[in-house]
């Protein structure tokens, strides 16, 4: 749980920096966020979570 909250905060900060820097438009960032919420409601969400957890474990073991 702490990992997912930390990842969400980190990704939120990155999005804010990219929008403020003019690299990404607000509409594109909102579209990606809405796609993420939609994807989280599908049956693919557990697979994505497991993949991200495995990736986090791999990075932590380095």
N, C-alpha and C. Protein backbone atom coordinates (compact mmCIF):
# COMPACT_ATOMS: atom_id res chain seq x y z
N UNK A 1 0.82 -1.19 0.00
CA UNK A 1 0.00 0.00 0.00
C UNK A 1 0.87 1.26 0.00
N UNK A 2 1.92 1.27 0.81
CA UNK A 2 2.78 2.45 0.87
C UNK A 2 3.49 2.68 -0.46
N UNK A 3 3.80 1.59 -1.15
CA UNK A 3 4.46 1.71 -2.45
C UNK A 3 3.53 2.35 -3.47
N UNK A 4 2.27 1.96 -3.49
CA UNK A 4 1.34 2.53 -4.47
C UNK A 4 1.06 4.00 -4.18
N UNK A 5 1.01 4.37 -2.90
CA UNK A 5 0.80 5.78 -2.56
C UNK A 5 2.03 6.60 -2.95
N UNK A 6 3.21 6.08 -2.67
CA UNK A 6 4.44 6.77 -3.04
C UNK A 6 4.55 6.92 -4.56
N UNK A 7 4.20 5.88 -5.29
CA UNK A 7 4.26 5.93 -6.75
C UNK A 7 3.26 6.94 -7.28
N UNK A 8 2.07 6.99 -6.70
CA UNK A 8 1.06 7.95 -7.16
C UNK A 8 1.51 9.38 -6.90
N UNK A 9 2.10 9.62 -5.74
CA UNK A 9 2.59 10.97 -5.42
C UNK A 9 3.73 11.35 -6.36
N UNK A 10 4.66 10.44 -6.58
CA UNK A 10 5.78 10.71 -7.48
C UNK A 10 5.30 11.00 -8.90
N UNK A 11 4.38 10.18 -9.40
CA UNK A 11 3.85 10.41 -10.75
C UNK A 11 3.07 11.72 -10.82
N UNK A 12 2.35 12.06 -9.76
CA UNK A 12 1.63 13.34 -9.72
C UNK A 12 2.58 14.52 -9.79
N UNK A 13 3.69 14.44 -9.06
CA UNK A 13 4.68 15.51 -9.09
C UNK A 13 5.31 15.63 -10.47
N UNK A 14 5.60 14.50 -11.09
CA UNK A 14 6.18 14.52 -12.44
C UNK A 14 5.22 15.16 -13.43
N UNK A 15 3.94 14.82 -13.34
CA UNK A 15 2.95 15.40 -14.25
C UNK A 15 2.86 16.91 -14.05
N UNK A 16 2.84 17.37 -12.82
CA UNK A 16 2.77 18.80 -12.55
C UNK A 16 3.99 19.52 -13.13
N UNK A 17 5.17 18.94 -12.93
CA UNK A 17 6.39 19.55 -13.46
C UNK A 17 6.36 19.60 -14.98
N UNK A 18 5.91 18.52 -15.62
CA UNK A 18 5.86 18.50 -17.08
C UNK A 18 4.83 19.48 -17.63
N UNK A 19 3.70 19.62 -16.95
CA UNK A 19 2.68 20.58 -17.40
C UNK A 19 3.18 22.00 -17.20
N UNK A 20 3.76 22.28 -16.03
CA UNK A 20 4.27 23.63 -15.75
C UNK A 20 5.40 24.00 -16.70
N UNK A 21 6.24 23.03 -17.07
CA UNK A 21 7.36 23.28 -17.96
C UNK A 21 6.95 23.42 -19.42
N UNK A 22 5.70 23.13 -19.72
CA UNK A 22 5.22 23.26 -21.08
C UNK A 22 5.52 22.07 -21.97
N UNK A 23 5.99 20.98 -21.39
CA UNK A 23 6.31 19.79 -22.18
C UNK A 23 5.07 18.97 -22.51
N UNK A 24 4.07 19.04 -21.64
CA UNK A 24 2.82 18.30 -21.82
C UNK A 24 1.67 19.28 -21.61
N UNK A 25 0.68 19.20 -22.47
CA UNK A 25 -0.49 20.07 -22.31
C UNK A 25 -1.44 19.48 -21.27
N UNK A 26 -2.24 20.33 -20.68
CA UNK A 26 -3.17 19.91 -19.63
C UNK A 26 -4.16 18.89 -20.17
N UNK A 27 -4.64 19.08 -21.39
CA UNK A 27 -5.60 18.15 -21.98
C UNK A 27 -5.01 16.76 -22.15
N UNK A 28 -3.76 16.69 -22.57
CA UNK A 28 -3.10 15.39 -22.73
C UNK A 28 -2.91 14.70 -21.38
N UNK A 29 -2.53 15.46 -20.38
CA UNK A 29 -2.35 14.89 -19.04
C UNK A 29 -3.68 14.39 -18.49
N UNK A 30 -4.75 15.16 -18.70
CA UNK A 30 -6.08 14.74 -18.23
C UNK A 30 -6.55 13.49 -18.96
N UNK A 31 -6.29 13.42 -20.26
CA UNK A 31 -6.68 12.24 -21.03
C UNK A 31 -5.95 11.00 -20.53
N UNK A 32 -4.67 11.11 -20.26
CA UNK A 32 -3.90 9.98 -19.73
C UNK A 32 -4.42 9.56 -18.36
N UNK A 33 -4.76 10.52 -17.52
CA UNK A 33 -5.29 10.20 -16.19
C UNK A 33 -6.63 9.48 -16.30
N UNK A 34 -7.50 9.96 -17.17
CA UNK A 34 -8.80 9.31 -17.35
C UNK A 34 -8.63 7.90 -17.92
N UNK A 35 -7.68 7.73 -18.83
CA UNK A 35 -7.41 6.39 -19.36
C UNK A 35 -6.93 5.48 -18.24
N UNK A 36 -6.10 5.99 -17.35
CA UNK A 36 -5.63 5.19 -16.23
C UNK A 36 -6.76 4.75 -15.30
N UNK A 37 -7.68 5.67 -15.02
CA UNK A 37 -8.82 5.32 -14.18
C UNK A 37 -9.70 4.28 -14.87
N UNK A 38 -9.88 4.43 -16.18
CA UNK A 38 -10.68 3.46 -16.93
C UNK A 38 -10.00 2.10 -16.95
N UNK A 39 -8.69 2.09 -17.16
CA UNK A 39 -7.94 0.84 -17.19
C UNK A 39 -7.97 0.15 -15.83
N UNK A 40 -7.99 0.92 -14.76
CA UNK A 40 -8.03 0.34 -13.41
C UNK A 40 -9.33 -0.40 -13.14
N UNK A 41 -10.37 -0.07 -13.88
CA UNK A 41 -11.67 -0.71 -13.67
C UNK A 41 -11.83 -1.98 -14.50
N UNK A 42 -10.84 -2.33 -15.31
CA UNK A 42 -10.95 -3.51 -16.15
C UNK A 42 -10.36 -4.73 -15.45
N UNK A 43 -10.49 -5.86 -16.10
CA UNK A 43 -9.93 -7.10 -15.57
C UNK A 43 -8.41 -7.17 -15.71
N UNK A 44 -7.83 -6.24 -16.45
CA UNK A 44 -6.39 -6.21 -16.65
C UNK A 44 -5.66 -5.56 -15.47
N UNK A 45 -6.38 -4.89 -14.59
CA UNK A 45 -5.77 -4.16 -13.48
C UNK A 45 -4.91 -5.04 -12.57
N UNK A 46 -5.35 -6.24 -12.17
CA UNK A 46 -4.50 -7.07 -11.30
C UNK A 46 -3.18 -7.47 -11.99
N UNK A 47 -3.24 -7.73 -13.28
CA UNK A 47 -2.02 -8.09 -14.01
C UNK A 47 -1.05 -6.92 -14.04
N UNK A 48 -1.56 -5.73 -14.27
CA UNK A 48 -0.72 -4.54 -14.29
C UNK A 48 -0.13 -4.30 -12.91
N UNK A 49 -0.93 -4.45 -11.87
CA UNK A 49 -0.44 -4.28 -10.49
C UNK A 49 0.67 -5.28 -10.18
N UNK A 50 0.48 -6.53 -10.57
CA UNK A 50 1.50 -7.55 -10.31
C UNK A 50 2.78 -7.23 -11.07
N UNK A 51 2.65 -6.77 -12.30
CA UNK A 51 3.83 -6.41 -13.08
C UNK A 51 4.59 -5.25 -12.46
N UNK A 52 3.84 -4.23 -12.00
CA UNK A 52 4.48 -3.08 -11.36
C UNK A 52 5.13 -3.47 -10.03
N UNK A 53 4.47 -4.36 -9.29
CA UNK A 53 5.05 -4.82 -8.03
C UNK A 53 6.32 -5.62 -8.28
N UNK A 54 6.34 -6.42 -9.32
CA UNK A 54 7.55 -7.18 -9.66
C UNK A 54 8.67 -6.24 -10.08
N UNK A 55 8.33 -5.22 -10.86
CA UNK A 55 9.33 -4.24 -11.27
C UNK A 55 9.89 -3.49 -10.07
N UNK A 56 9.02 -3.10 -9.14
CA UNK A 56 9.47 -2.41 -7.93
C UNK A 56 10.39 -3.31 -7.09
N UNK A 57 10.04 -4.60 -7.01
CA UNK A 57 10.89 -5.54 -6.28
C UNK A 57 12.24 -5.72 -6.94
N UNK A 58 12.26 -5.73 -8.26
CA UNK A 58 13.51 -5.85 -8.99
C UNK A 58 14.38 -4.62 -8.76
N UNK A 59 13.78 -3.45 -8.82
CA UNK A 59 14.54 -2.22 -8.58
C UNK A 59 15.05 -2.17 -7.14
N UNK A 60 14.22 -2.60 -6.19
CA UNK A 60 14.63 -2.57 -4.78
C UNK A 60 15.78 -3.54 -4.50
N UNK A 61 15.83 -4.63 -5.27
CA UNK A 61 16.89 -5.62 -5.03
C UNK A 61 18.23 -5.19 -5.59
N UNK A 62 18.23 -4.16 -6.43
CA UNK A 62 19.49 -3.67 -7.01
C UNK A 62 20.16 -2.85 -5.98
